[in-house]
C-alpha atoms as a PDB file:
ATOM      1  CA  MET A   1     141.604 116.209  94.575  1.00  0.00           C
ATOM      2  CA  ILE A   2     144.289 114.517  96.689  1.00  0.00           C
ATOM      3  CA  TYR A   3     143.503 112.735  99.942  1.00  0.00           C
ATOM      4  CA  ASP A   4     145.555 110.821 102.470  1.00  0.00           C
ATOM      5  CA  VAL A   5     143.517 107.669 102.989  1.00  0.00           C
ATOM      6  CA  SER A   6     143.888 105.585 106.212  1.00  0.00           C
ATOM      7  CA  LEU A   7     141.883 102.466 106.813  1.00  0.00           C
ATOM      8  CA  LEU A   8     141.178 102.378 110.485  1.00  0.00           C
ATOM      9  CA  ASP A   9     139.005  99.320 110.970  1.00  0.00           C
ATOM     10  CA  VAL A  10     136.892  96.731 109.130  1.00  0.00           C
ATOM     11  CA  THR A  11     134.448  94.401 110.876  1.00  0.00           C
ATOM     12  CA  SER A  12     131.728  92.058 109.673  1.00  0.00           C
ATOM     13  CA  ILE A  13     128.170  92.086 111.112  1.00  0.00           C
ATOM     14  CA  ASN A  14     124.995  90.194 110.401  1.00  0.00           C
ATOM     15  CA  GLU A  15     122.586  92.765 111.876  1.00  0.00           C
ATOM     16  CA  ILE A  16     122.588  96.556 111.662  1.00  0.00           C
ATOM     17  CA  GLU A  17     121.828  97.824 115.172  1.00  0.00           C
ATOM     18  CA  GLY A  18     118.858 100.130 115.430  1.00  0.00           C
ATOM     19  CA  ARG A  19     117.554  99.306 111.997  1.00  0.00           C
ATOM     20  CA  TRP A  20     114.163  98.184 113.432  1.00  0.00           C
ATOM     21  CA  SER A  21     112.246 100.622 115.644  1.00  0.00           C
ATOM     22  CA  HIS A  22     109.592  99.903 118.264  1.00  0.00           C
ATOM     23  CA  ASP A  23     106.923 100.917 115.748  1.00  0.00           C
ATOM     24  CA  ASP A  24     108.424  98.591 113.101  1.00  0.00           C
ATOM     25  CA  TYR A  25     108.156  95.582 115.536  1.00  0.00           C
ATOM     26  CA  MET A  26     104.559  96.499 116.399  1.00  0.00           C
ATOM     27  CA  ALA A  27     103.557  96.961 112.771  1.00  0.00           C
ATOM     28  CA  LEU A  28     105.122  93.576 111.780  1.00  0.00           C
ATOM     29  CA  LEU A  29     103.516  91.793 114.721  1.00  0.00           C
ATOM     30  CA  ASN A  30     100.226  93.089 113.346  1.00  0.00           C
ATOM     31  CA  VAL A  31     101.093  91.751 109.893  1.00  0.00           C
ATOM     32  CA  PHE A  32     101.513  88.337 111.441  1.00  0.00           C
ATOM     33  CA  GLU A  33      98.241  88.647 113.398  1.00  0.00           C
ATOM     34  CA  PHE A  34      99.956  88.492 116.746  1.00  0.00           C
ATOM     35  CA  GLY A  35      97.885  89.654 119.710  1.00  0.00           C
ATOM     36  CA  ASP A  36      98.504  92.676 121.857  1.00  0.00           C
ATOM     37  CA  PRO A  37     102.112  92.392 123.302  1.00  0.00           C
ATOM     38  CA  GLY A  38     101.338  94.713 126.103  1.00  0.00           C
ATOM     39  CA  GLU A  39     104.189  96.799 127.497  1.00  0.00           C
ATOM     40  CA  ALA A  40     106.975  94.577 126.037  1.00  0.00           C
ATOM     41  CA  THR A  41     110.449  95.982 125.589  1.00  0.00           C
ATOM     42  CA  ASP A  42     111.913  96.275 122.068  1.00  0.00           C
ATOM     43  CA  GLN A  43     113.996  93.129 122.790  1.00  0.00           C
ATOM     44  CA  ASP A  44     110.935  91.222 123.835  1.00  0.00           C
ATOM     45  CA  LEU A  45     109.072  92.462 120.757  1.00  0.00           C
ATOM     46  CA  LYS A  46     111.896  91.162 118.594  1.00  0.00           C
ATOM     47  CA  GLU A  47     111.701  87.751 120.173  1.00  0.00           C
ATOM     48  CA  LEU A  48     107.919  87.724 119.861  1.00  0.00           C
ATOM     49  CA  LEU A  49     108.255  88.698 116.214  1.00  0.00           C
ATOM     50  CA  TYR A  50     110.589  85.759 115.600  1.00  0.00           C
ATOM     51  CA  MET A  51     107.970  83.460 117.115  1.00  0.00           C
ATOM     52  CA  ALA A  52     105.165  84.986 115.062  1.00  0.00           C
ATOM     53  CA  ILE A  53     107.124  84.749 111.853  1.00  0.00           C
ATOM     54  CA  SER A  54     108.084  81.111 112.418  1.00  0.00           C
ATOM     55  CA  ASP A  55     104.392  80.112 112.689  1.00  0.00           C
ATOM     56  CA  PHE A  56     104.155  80.682 108.935  1.00  0.00           C
ATOM     57  CA  GLU A  57     105.736  78.796 106.013  1.00  0.00           C
ATOM     58  CA  PRO A  58     109.038  80.483 105.199  1.00  0.00           C
ATOM     59  CA  GLN A  59     108.145  81.714 101.728  1.00  0.00           C
ATOM     60  CA  ILE A  60     104.781  83.089 102.938  1.00  0.00           C
ATOM     61  CA  ALA A  61     106.466  84.910 105.792  1.00  0.00           C
ATOM     62  CA  ALA A  62     109.034  86.361 103.468  1.00  0.00           C
ATOM     63  CA  ALA A  63     106.281  87.578 101.116  1.00  0.00           C
ATOM     64  CA  LEU A  64     104.371  89.170 103.970  1.00  0.00           C
ATOM     65  CA  ILE A  65     107.353  91.176 105.208  1.00  0.00           C
ATOM     66  CA  LEU A  66     108.330  92.153 101.661  1.00  0.00           C
ATOM     67  CA  GLN A  67     104.826  93.370 100.958  1.00  0.00           C
ATOM     68  CA  HIS A  68     104.745  95.384 104.133  1.00  0.00           C
ATOM     69  CA  GLN A  69     108.219  96.911 103.703  1.00  0.00           C
ATOM     70  CA  LEU A  70     108.475  97.252  99.927  1.00  0.00           C
ATOM     71  CA  GLY A  71     104.966  96.854  98.633  1.00  0.00           C
ATOM     72  CA  GLU A  72     104.806 100.450  97.341  1.00  0.00           C
ATOM     73  CA  GLU A  73     107.819  99.888  95.221  1.00  0.00           C
ATOM     74  CA  LEU A  74     107.590  96.260  94.057  1.00  0.00           C
ATOM     75  CA  ASN A  75     104.653  94.577  92.294  1.00  0.00           C
ATOM     76  CA  GLN A  76     103.153  91.278  93.451  1.00  0.00           C
ATOM     77  CA  GLY A  77     105.086  89.257  90.847  1.00  0.00           C
ATOM     78  CA  GLN A  78     108.424  90.732  92.013  1.00  0.00           C
ATOM     79  CA  ILE A  79     107.529  90.084  95.661  1.00  0.00           C
ATOM     80  CA  GLU A  80     106.682  86.450  94.942  1.00  0.00           C
ATOM     81  CA  GLN A  81     109.906  85.967  93.002  1.00  0.00           C
ATOM     82  CA  ILE A  82     112.019  87.512  95.692  1.00  0.00           C
ATOM     83  CA  SER A  83     110.309  85.543  98.483  1.00  0.00           C
ATOM     84  CA  HIS A  84     111.100  82.367  96.523  1.00  0.00           C
ATOM     85  CA  ASP A  85     114.686  83.394  95.779  1.00  0.00           C
ATOM     86  CA  MET A  86     115.349  84.344  99.381  1.00  0.00           C
ATOM     87  CA  LEU A  87     115.351  80.684 100.444  1.00  0.00           C
ATOM     88  CA  LYS A  88     118.082  79.804  97.931  1.00  0.00           C
ATOM     89  CA  GLU A  89     120.367  82.789  97.688  1.00  0.00           C
ATOM     90  CA  ASN A  90     121.349  85.972  99.445  1.00  0.00           C
ATOM     91  CA  VAL A  91     119.119  88.429  97.623  1.00  0.00           C
ATOM     92  CA  ALA A  92     120.813  91.311  99.422  1.00  0.00           C
ATOM     93  CA  GLU A  93     123.772  90.559  97.163  1.00  0.00           C
ATOM     94  CA  HIS A  94     122.157  89.243  93.979  1.00  0.00           C
ATOM     95  CA  TYR A  95     118.954  91.295  93.418  1.00  0.00           C
ATOM     96  CA  SER A  96     119.378  93.201  90.162  1.00  0.00           C
ATOM     97  CA  ASP A  97     118.329  96.614  91.579  1.00  0.00           C
ATOM     98  CA  ILE A  98     121.042  97.424  94.131  1.00  0.00           C
ATOM     99  CA  SER A  99     118.949 100.224  95.661  1.00  0.00           C
ATOM    100  CA  PHE A 100     116.982  97.440  97.426  1.00  0.00           C
ATOM    101  CA  HIS A 101     120.013  95.614  98.845  1.00  0.00           C
ATOM    102  CA  SER A 102     120.154  97.327 102.246  1.00  0.00           C
ATOM    103  CA  ARG A 103     116.484  96.762 102.963  1.00  0.00           C
ATOM    104  CA  LEU A 104     116.649  93.164 101.727  1.00  0.00           C
ATOM    105  CA  PHE A 105     119.559  92.629 104.043  1.00  0.00           C
ATOM    106  CA  ASP A 106     117.413  93.805 107.023  1.00  0.00           C
ATOM    107  CA  ILE A 107     114.492  91.536 105.953  1.00  0.00           C
ATOM    108  CA  ASN A 108     116.816  88.641 105.485  1.00  0.00           C
ATOM    109  CA  GLU A 109     118.256  89.080 108.921  1.00  0.00           C
ATOM    110  CA  LEU A 110     114.739  88.795 110.532  1.00  0.00           C
ATOM    111  CA  LEU A 111     113.914  85.715 108.579  1.00  0.00           C
ATOM    112  CA  TYR A 112     117.371  84.043 109.153  1.00  0.00           C
ATOM    113  CA  LYS A 113     116.918  84.410 112.925  1.00  0.00           C
ATOM    114  CA  ALA A 114     113.273  83.547 113.016  1.00  0.00           C
ATOM    115  CA  TYR A 115     113.922  80.237 111.216  1.00  0.00           C
ATOM    116  CA  ASN A 116     117.242  79.424 112.897  1.00  0.00           C
ATOM    117  CA  GLY A 117     119.255  79.527 109.662  1.00  0.00           C
ATOM    118  CA  LYS A 118     116.839  78.245 107.047  1.00  0.00           C
ATOM    119  CA  PHE A 119     117.475  81.428 105.043  1.00  0.00           C
ATOM    120  CA  PRO A 120     120.993  82.233 103.678  1.00  0.00           C
ATOM    121  CA  HIS A 121     123.254  83.994 106.097  1.00  0.00           C
ATOM    122  CA  ALA A 122     123.970  87.598 104.974  1.00  0.00           C
ATOM    123  CA  LYS A 123     126.820  89.761 106.174  1.00  0.00           C
ATOM    124  CA  ALA A 124     127.626  93.454 106.052  1.00  0.00           C
ATOM    125  CA  SER A 125     130.859  95.313 106.571  1.00  0.00           C
ATOM    126  CA  VAL A 126     131.449  98.267 108.908  1.00  0.00           C
ATOM    127  CA  ILE A 127     134.410 100.273 107.643  1.00  0.00           C
ATOM    128  CA  LYS A 128     136.073 103.170 109.492  1.00  0.00           C
ATOM    129  CA  VAL A 129     138.324 105.363 107.353  1.00  0.00           C
ATOM    130  CA  GLN A 130     140.120 108.671 107.563  1.00  0.00           C
ATOM    131  CA  LEU A 131     140.109 110.826 104.450  1.00  0.00           C
ATOM    132  CA  VAL A 132     142.372 113.905 104.887  1.00  0.00           C
ATOM    133  CA  PRO A 133     142.404 116.380 101.963  1.00  0.00           C
ATOM    134  CA  HIS A 134     145.763 117.901 101.081  1.00  0.00           C
ATOM    135  CA  HIS A 135     144.234 121.352 100.727  1.00  0.00           C
ATOM    136  CA  LYS A 136     141.402 123.116 102.576  1.00  0.00           C
ATOM    137  CA  THR A 137     138.126 122.610 100.742  1.00  0.00           C
ATOM    138  CA  ASP A 138     134.440 123.310 101.217  1.00  0.00           C
ATOM    139  CA  MET A 139     133.680 120.046  99.397  1.00  0.00           C
ATOM    140  CA  VAL A 140     131.647 117.673 101.503  1.00  0.00           C
ATOM    141  CA  VAL A 141     132.764 114.050 101.413  1.00  0.00           C
ATOM    142  CA  ASP A 142     129.891 111.899 100.205  1.00  0.00           C
ATOM    143  CA  GLU A 143     129.470 108.223  99.302  1.00  0.00           C
ATOM    144  CA  ALA A 144     130.953 108.682  95.834  1.00  0.00           C
ATOM    145  CA  ILE A 145     134.051 110.436  97.069  1.00  0.00           C
ATOM    146  CA  ALA A 146     134.527 107.934  99.839  1.00  0.00           C
ATOM    147  CA  LEU A 147     134.400 104.961  97.502  1.00  0.00           C
ATOM    148  CA  LYS A 148     136.799 106.703  95.034  1.00  0.00           C
ATOM    149  CA  CYS A 149     139.196 107.184  97.895  1.00  0.00           C
ATOM    150  CA  LEU A 150     138.938 103.602  98.981  1.00  0.00           C
ATOM    151  CA  ALA A 151     139.243 102.145  95.474  1.00  0.00           C
ATOM    152  CA  PRO A 152     143.060 102.420  95.240  1.00  0.00           C
ATOM    153  CA  ILE A 153     143.436 100.246  98.355  1.00  0.00           C
ATOM    154  CA  ILE A 154     140.942  97.650  97.207  1.00  0.00           C
ATOM    155  CA  ASN A 155     141.851  94.564  95.183  1.00  0.00           C
ATOM    156  CA  ASP A 156     141.289  94.968  91.449  1.00  0.00           C
ATOM    157  CA  HIS A 157     139.322  91.717  91.385  1.00  0.00           C
ATOM    158  CA  SER A 158     136.669  93.035  93.746  1.00  0.00           C
ATOM    159  CA  VAL A 159     133.057  93.044  92.362  1.00  0.00           C
ATOM    160  CA  MET A 160     132.712  96.818  92.959  1.00  0.00           C
ATOM    161  CA  LYS A 161     135.845  97.698  90.920  1.00  0.00           C
ATOM    162  CA  ARG A 162     134.889  95.296  88.109  1.00  0.00           C
ATOM    163  CA  LEU A 163     131.364  96.622  87.784  1.00  0.00           C
ATOM    164  CA  TYR A 164     131.966 100.350  88.460  1.00  0.00           C
ATOM    165  CA  ASN A 165     135.526 100.985  87.259  1.00  0.00           C
ATOM    166  CA  ASN A 166     134.544 103.977  85.100  1.00  0.00           C
ATOM    167  CA  GLN A 167     132.597 105.532  87.939  1.00  0.00           C
ATOM    168  CA  LEU A 168     135.401 105.041  90.444  1.00  0.00           C
ATOM    169  CA  ALA A 169     137.844 106.611  87.952  1.00  0.00           C
ATOM    170  CA  GLY A 170     135.614 109.641  87.523  1.00  0.00           C
ATOM    171  CA  LYS A 171     134.834 108.902  83.866  1.00  0.00           C
ATOM    172  CA  GLU A 172     131.102 108.553  84.657  1.00  0.00           C
ATOM    173  CA  GLU A 173     128.770 109.992  87.303  1.00  0.00           C
ATOM    174  CA  PHE A 174     128.782 107.602  90.321  1.00  0.00           C
ATOM    175  CA  VAL A 175     125.025 107.576  91.047  1.00  0.00           C
ATOM    176  CA  GLU A 176     125.242 104.014  92.300  1.00  0.00           C
ATOM    177  CA  ALA A 177     127.515 104.956  95.314  1.00  0.00           C
ATOM    178  CA  ALA A 178     124.549 105.803  97.504  1.00  0.00           C
ATOM    179  CA  ALA A 179     123.201 102.291  96.993  1.00  0.00           C
ATOM    180  CA  ILE A 180     126.525 100.586  97.487  1.00  0.00           C
ATOM    181  CA  ILE A 181     127.065 102.388 100.774  1.00  0.00           C
ATOM    182  CA  TRP A 182     124.018 101.626 102.923  1.00  0.00           C
ATOM    183  CA  TYR A 183     124.802 103.918 105.810  1.00  0.00           C
ATOM    184  CA  PHE A 184     127.290 106.795 105.806  1.00  0.00           C
ATOM    185  CA  LYS A 185     128.339 108.714 108.891  1.00  0.00           C
ATOM    186  CA  THR A 186     130.690 111.631 109.258  1.00  0.00           C
ATOM    187  CA  LEU A 187     132.738 111.439 112.448  1.00  0.00           C
ATOM    188  CA  GLU A 188     135.375 113.748 113.846  1.00  0.00           C
ATOM    189  CA  ASN A 189     138.902 114.386 112.531  1.00  0.00           C
ATOM    190  CA  ASP A 190     138.062 113.621 108.892  1.00  0.00           C
ATOM    191  CA  GLU A 191     136.887 110.117 109.846  1.00  0.00           C
ATOM    192  CA  TYR A 192     133.907 108.329 108.357  1.00  0.00           C
ATOM    193  CA  GLU A 193     131.942 105.158 109.078  1.00  0.00           C
ATOM    194  CA  ILE A 194     130.640 103.190 106.139  1.00  0.00           C
ATOM    195  CA  ILE A 195     128.192 100.236 106.310  1.00  0.00           C
ATOM    196  CA  THR A 196     127.986  98.287 103.063  1.00  0.00           C
ATOM    197  CA  SER A 197     127.445  94.742 101.932  1.00  0.00           C
ATOM    198  CA  HIS A 198     130.186  92.129 102.507  1.00  0.00           C
ATOM    199  CA  TYR A 199     129.652  91.451  98.810  1.00  0.00           C
ATOM    200  CA  TRP A 200     130.895  94.930  97.813  1.00  0.00           C
ATOM    201  CA  ILE A 201     133.703  95.356 100.328  1.00  0.00           C
ATOM    202  CA  ASN A 202     135.098  93.103 103.019  1.00  0.00           C
ATOM    203  CA  ASP A 203     138.304  92.914 105.055  1.00  0.00           C
ATOM    204  CA  ALA A 204     139.996  90.565 102.522  1.00  0.00           C
ATOM    205  CA  ALA A 205     139.464  93.114  99.724  1.00  0.00           C
ATOM    206  CA  PHE A 206     141.950  95.639 101.109  1.00  0.00           C
ATOM    207  CA  THR A 207     145.532  95.668  99.861  1.00  0.00           C
ATOM    208  CA  ALA A 208     146.922  98.558 102.031  1.00  0.00           C
ATOM    209  CA  LEU A 209     146.136 100.484 105.209  1.00  0.00           C
ATOM    210  CA  LYS A 210     147.327 103.869 104.001  1.00  0.00           C
ATOM    211  CA  LYS A 211     147.792 105.566 100.674  1.00  0.00           C
ATOM    212  CA  GLU A 212     147.809 109.024  99.055  1.00  0.00           C
ATOM    213  CA  VAL A 213     145.231 109.052  96.360  1.00  0.00           C
ATOM    214  CA  ASN A 214     144.264 111.488  93.622  1.00  0.00           C
ATOM    215  CA  ILE A 215     140.606 111.229  92.669  1.00  0.00           C
ATOM    216  CA  GLU A 216     138.545 112.802  89.960  1.00  0.00           C
ATOM    217  CA  ILE A 217     135.589 114.887  91.074  1.00  0.00           C
ATOM    218  CA  GLU A 218     132.654 115.590  88.671  1.00  0.00           C
ATOM    219  CA  ASP A 219     131.824 119.201  88.086  1.00  0.00           C
END
């Protein structure tokens, strides 16, 4: 399948807007045994949560949030290890199971701001790209197709291309694509918005703004 790929924009962010809901803030305030916040706005709830978190030792606070957010998927030993590692490294980049990266990024962002930088600073990339197929097709562009289209305009030394070269080339099923791309939105005019880790793709990784690419699609 041939696409005309146009890179429209790449920006770095340290917080994904709208990731935490009103109910999330209320639930986490309860985790940290904060009193009734009344009719506080979401912005006020966020600030109150930062205060509530910072009343605890950093590793304990990390463990409490991890338990609340990921306790059904991680055991106690894993939570303790991650809460320890979070103070030393960006676990949203280094944790072995990449399916947790986006949620670890969100948790890291809360802790980073609550403790004024005591936790490592994590970054994400927002990428806007246009992928125009040469022929009409009913095929829906998904995360795997988007990454295969981007790969030819990304430096060969990038972590993603080194780890997933066979998947990007269509030699193996690219099941990891949905974990590499944290949020994927279809826009108008064959345009797409991708949010991923700065670790996987960042503005310095791109080698071109436009390219015709021929990608392999699994049956």
